[in-house]
Amino acid sequence: MNLFGVVTQGGLISQLVALLLLAMSVASWVVILWKAWLLHRASGDVSRSIAVFWQSASVDAALEKVAAFDRDALVLPLVAATQTSAAGTLASAGDRSQQLTRVLRDALHAVLHKLQFGQVLLATVGSTAPFVGLLGTVWGIYHALIGIASAGQITIDKVSGPVGEALIMTAAGLAVAIPAVLAYNIFGRHVSRIEADLEGFARDLRELLASGGASK
């Protein structure tokens, strides 16, 4: 007996649980594949873009060079944010250092949001999928016992078969949860490393521009 047989015999609840597990699995694998591709590119692009920036003769020249390396727009928004002007508004109040701190913080938050996208979904799937599978198991065992009781005579072979089939739902929940948990932990380390590089670059960029040490 396979999962399909358990679902078809378990009633509406088992079918809903199976569909929910399938949706969670598909969603988590889409996120896993997308984030693996994104973080693989970002790890190299961020390092190259930062190196190219510091090797440029001016900020304007750096913007052009960084754009060629920063395919996912992780470093470029930080540099571009320092070149915007909002004269006559509260955004322009305070000294240059305060203005740079504000615009770099906002740009950094937007970039980090892109890197962290999908982490909540992976954490949710990893923490809830086993319990969703357990719900399907409990409901399947309940229906199995009802069927056994209505049959009259109860023997070990009549109990072990339906109950064992219902336990497949627990295994399905674990099969959905384990990849999500592993991906969440692995991606979290990559995101933290890239985040540290971006925060360090933003701090250095702020100090450079606040001191007036960069030319256009």
Protein backbone atom coordinates (compact mmCIF):
# COMPACT_ATOMS: atom_id res chain seq x y z
CA MET A 1 0.00 0.00 0.00
CA ASN A 2 1.33 3.43 -0.92
CA LEU A 3 0.51 6.97 0.11
CA PHE A 4 -2.10 7.25 -2.63
CA GLY A 5 -3.95 4.24 -1.26
CA VAL A 6 -3.88 5.66 2.26
CA VAL A 7 -5.24 8.98 1.03
CA THR A 8 -8.06 7.49 -1.00
CA GLN A 9 -9.17 5.28 1.88
CA GLY A 10 -8.75 7.85 4.64
CA GLY A 11 -11.57 10.19 3.77
CA LEU A 12 -11.72 13.94 3.30
CA ILE A 13 -9.34 14.81 6.18
CA SER A 14 -6.60 12.53 4.90
CA GLN A 15 -6.99 13.94 1.40
CA LEU A 16 -6.76 17.52 2.68
CA VAL A 17 -3.66 16.64 4.72
CA ALA A 18 -2.02 15.01 1.70
CA LEU A 19 -2.79 18.02 -0.50
CA LEU A 20 -1.43 20.37 2.15
CA LEU A 21 1.78 18.36 2.44
CA LEU A 22 2.12 18.34 -1.34
CA ALA A 23 1.64 22.12 -1.49
CA MET A 24 4.18 22.65 1.29
CA SER A 25 6.69 20.39 -0.44
CA VAL A 26 6.32 22.11 -3.81
CA ALA A 27 6.56 25.58 -2.26
CA SER A 28 9.63 24.71 -0.20
CA TRP A 29 11.45 23.11 -3.15
CA VAL A 30 10.73 26.12 -5.36
CA VAL A 31 12.22 28.37 -2.68
CA ILE A 32 15.17 26.00 -2.13
CA LEU A 33 16.10 25.91 -5.81
CA TRP A 34 15.63 29.66 -6.27
CA LYS A 35 17.62 30.62 -3.16
CA ALA A 36 20.40 28.16 -3.99
CA TRP A 37 20.75 29.84 -7.38
CA LEU A 38 20.51 33.36 -5.91
CA LEU A 39 22.98 32.84 -3.08
CA HIS A 40 25.44 31.01 -5.31
CA ARG A 41 25.55 34.02 -7.63
CA ALA A 42 25.42 36.57 -4.82
CA SER A 43 28.39 35.12 -2.95
CA GLY A 44 30.72 35.82 -5.85
CA ASP A 45 29.02 38.97 -7.15
CA VAL A 46 29.17 40.81 -3.82
CA SER A 47 32.88 40.14 -3.37
CA ARG A 48 33.71 41.14 -6.95
CA SER A 49 31.49 44.23 -6.86
CA ILE A 50 33.04 45.51 -3.63
CA ALA A 51 36.54 44.92 -4.99
CA VAL A 52 35.69 46.73 -8.23
CA PHE A 53 34.25 49.68 -6.31
CA TRP A 54 37.40 50.25 -4.30
CA GLN A 55 39.55 49.95 -7.40
CA SER A 56 37.59 52.67 -9.22
CA ALA A 57 38.83 56.24 -9.58
CA SER A 58 35.52 57.87 -8.62
CA VAL A 59 32.01 57.05 -7.44
CA ASP A 60 30.54 57.64 -10.90
CA ALA A 61 33.08 55.29 -12.44
CA ALA A 62 32.40 52.77 -9.70
CA LEU A 63 28.66 52.84 -10.44
CA GLU A 64 29.29 51.83 -14.04
CA LYS A 65 31.74 49.07 -13.15
CA VAL A 66 29.70 47.65 -10.28
CA ALA A 67 26.60 47.44 -12.50
CA ALA A 68 28.44 44.98 -14.72
CA PHE A 69 29.24 42.60 -11.85
CA ASP A 70 26.27 43.05 -9.50
CA ARG A 71 23.72 40.92 -11.37
CA ASP A 72 21.24 40.72 -8.48
CA ALA A 73 21.56 44.40 -7.46
CA LEU A 74 22.92 43.82 -3.96
CA VAL A 75 25.81 46.31 -3.86
CA LEU A 76 24.65 48.83 -6.46
CA PRO A 77 21.64 50.09 -4.43
CA LEU A 78 23.97 51.03 -1.57
CA VAL A 79 26.19 53.14 -3.81
CA ALA A 80 23.26 54.65 -5.70
CA ALA A 81 21.51 55.63 -2.47
CA THR A 82 24.41 57.89 -1.48
CA GLN A 83 24.08 59.84 -4.75
CA THR A 84 20.45 60.85 -4.34
CA SER A 85 19.59 64.33 -3.15
CA ALA A 86 16.45 65.60 -1.41
CA ALA A 87 17.21 69.26 -0.90
CA GLY A 88 14.65 71.25 1.02
CA THR A 89 13.19 68.25 2.84
CA LEU A 90 13.66 66.70 6.26
CA ALA A 91 15.73 64.00 4.57
CA SER A 92 18.39 66.63 3.92
CA ALA A 93 18.39 67.84 7.51
CA GLY A 94 21.45 67.21 9.63
CA ASP A 95 25.02 66.84 8.57
CA ARG A 96 26.32 64.69 5.76
CA SER A 97 27.15 61.80 8.07
CA GLN A 98 23.58 61.56 9.34
CA GLN A 99 22.14 61.69 5.84
CA LEU A 100 24.44 58.90 4.68
CA THR A 101 23.56 56.77 7.68
CA ARG A 102 19.87 57.08 6.91
CA VAL A 103 20.01 56.33 3.18
CA LEU A 104 22.48 53.49 3.58
CA ARG A 105 20.39 51.91 6.33
CA ASP A 106 17.25 52.00 4.17
CA ALA A 107 19.08 50.62 1.13
CA LEU A 108 20.71 47.88 3.20
CA HIS A 109 17.37 46.81 4.66
CA ALA A 110 15.90 46.49 1.15
CA VAL A 111 18.84 44.38 -0.02
CA LEU A 112 18.72 42.12 3.03
CA HIS A 113 14.99 41.63 2.55
CA LYS A 114 15.76 40.23 -0.91
CA LEU A 115 18.39 37.86 0.51
CA GLN A 116 16.17 36.67 3.36
CA PHE A 117 13.07 36.15 1.23
CA GLY A 118 11.75 32.61 1.60
CA GLN A 119 13.45 31.90 4.92
CA VAL A 120 10.17 32.28 6.82
CA LEU A 121 8.46 29.80 4.51
CA LEU A 122 11.23 27.23 4.96
CA ALA A 123 11.12 27.64 8.73
CA THR A 124 7.32 27.30 8.74
CA VAL A 125 7.34 24.18 6.58
CA GLY A 126 10.13 22.62 8.62
CA SER A 127 8.36 23.18 11.91
CA THR A 128 4.77 22.33 10.92
CA ALA A 129 5.01 19.57 8.29
CA PRO A 130 5.68 16.78 10.85
CA PHE A 131 2.56 17.76 12.79
CA VAL A 132 0.48 17.95 9.63
CA GLY A 133 1.64 14.44 8.76
CA LEU A 134 0.88 13.31 12.30
CA LEU A 135 -2.66 14.63 11.94
CA GLY A 136 -3.07 12.48 8.83
CA THR A 137 -1.70 9.49 10.71
CA VAL A 138 -4.06 9.92 13.65
CA TRP A 139 -7.03 10.29 11.36
CA GLY A 140 -5.94 7.30 9.28
CA ILE A 141 -5.53 5.12 12.37
CA TYR A 142 -8.94 6.22 13.61
CA HIS A 143 -10.57 5.16 10.36
CA ALA A 144 -8.58 1.90 10.34
CA LEU A 145 -9.74 1.01 13.85
CA ILE A 146 -13.33 1.87 13.00
CA GLY A 147 -13.14 -0.45 10.00
CA ILE A 148 -11.57 -3.23 12.05
CA ALA A 149 -14.20 -2.90 14.77
CA SER A 150 -17.04 -3.07 12.26
CA ALA A 151 -15.55 -6.24 10.82
CA GLY A 152 -16.11 -8.02 14.10
CA GLN A 153 -13.12 -10.31 14.66
CA ILE A 154 -9.86 -8.47 15.48
CA THR A 155 -6.52 -10.11 14.72
CA ILE A 156 -2.99 -8.76 14.66
CA ASP A 157 -2.77 -8.98 10.87
CA LYS A 158 -5.94 -6.94 10.45
CA VAL A 159 -4.58 -4.28 12.83
CA SER A 160 -0.98 -4.05 11.65
CA GLY A 161 -1.82 -3.52 7.98
CA PRO A 162 -4.16 -0.49 8.19
CA VAL A 163 -2.22 1.09 11.06
CA GLY A 164 1.08 0.69 9.22
CA GLU A 165 -0.47 2.24 6.14
CA ALA A 166 -1.66 5.23 8.16
CA LEU A 167 1.84 5.77 9.54
CA ILE A 168 2.97 6.56 6.00
CA MET A 169 1.47 10.03 6.54
CA THR A 170 3.97 10.67 9.35
CA ALA A 171 6.82 9.65 7.07
CA ALA A 172 5.45 11.98 4.39
CA GLY A 173 5.43 14.86 6.88
CA LEU A 174 9.04 14.19 7.80
CA ALA A 175 10.02 13.92 4.13
CA VAL A 176 8.60 17.41 3.58
CA ALA A 177 10.10 18.92 6.73
CA ILE A 178 13.68 17.62 6.63
CA PRO A 179 14.78 19.29 3.34
CA ALA A 180 13.18 22.56 4.46
CA VAL A 181 15.03 22.54 7.79
CA LEU A 182 18.37 21.66 6.19
CA ALA A 183 17.95 24.35 3.53
CA TYR A 184 16.95 26.94 6.14
CA ASN A 185 20.11 26.32 8.16
CA ILE A 186 22.44 26.22 5.14
CA PHE A 187 20.95 29.32 3.54
CA GLY A 188 20.99 31.13 6.87
CA ARG A 189 24.77 30.78 7.07
CA HIS A 190 25.22 32.05 3.51
CA VAL A 191 22.90 35.00 4.10
CA SER A 192 24.72 35.91 7.31
CA ARG A 193 28.09 35.92 5.52
CA ILE A 194 26.81 38.08 2.67
CA GLU A 195 25.04 40.36 5.14
CA ALA A 196 28.30 40.88 7.04
CA ASP A 197 30.08 41.82 3.80
CA LEU A 198 27.36 44.30 2.85
CA GLU A 199 27.24 45.86 6.30
CA GLY A 200 31.01 46.28 6.30
CA PHE A 201 30.91 47.84 2.84
CA ALA A 202 28.12 50.23 3.86
CA ARG A 203 30.09 51.32 6.92
CA ASP A 204 33.26 51.91 4.91
CA LEU A 205 31.31 53.74 2.20
CA ARG A 206 29.69 56.01 4.76
CA GLU A 207 33.04 56.90 6.31
CA LEU A 208 34.55 57.58 2.89
CA LEU A 209 31.78 59.90 1.72
CA ALA A 210 31.24 61.58 5.07
CA SER A 211 34.89 62.64 5.13
CA GLY A 212 34.68 63.97 1.58
CA GLY A 213 37.38 61.57 0.43
CA ALA A 214 35.60 60.52 -2.76
CA SER A 215 35.32 62.41 -5.99
CA LYS A 216 32.50 62.28 -8.44
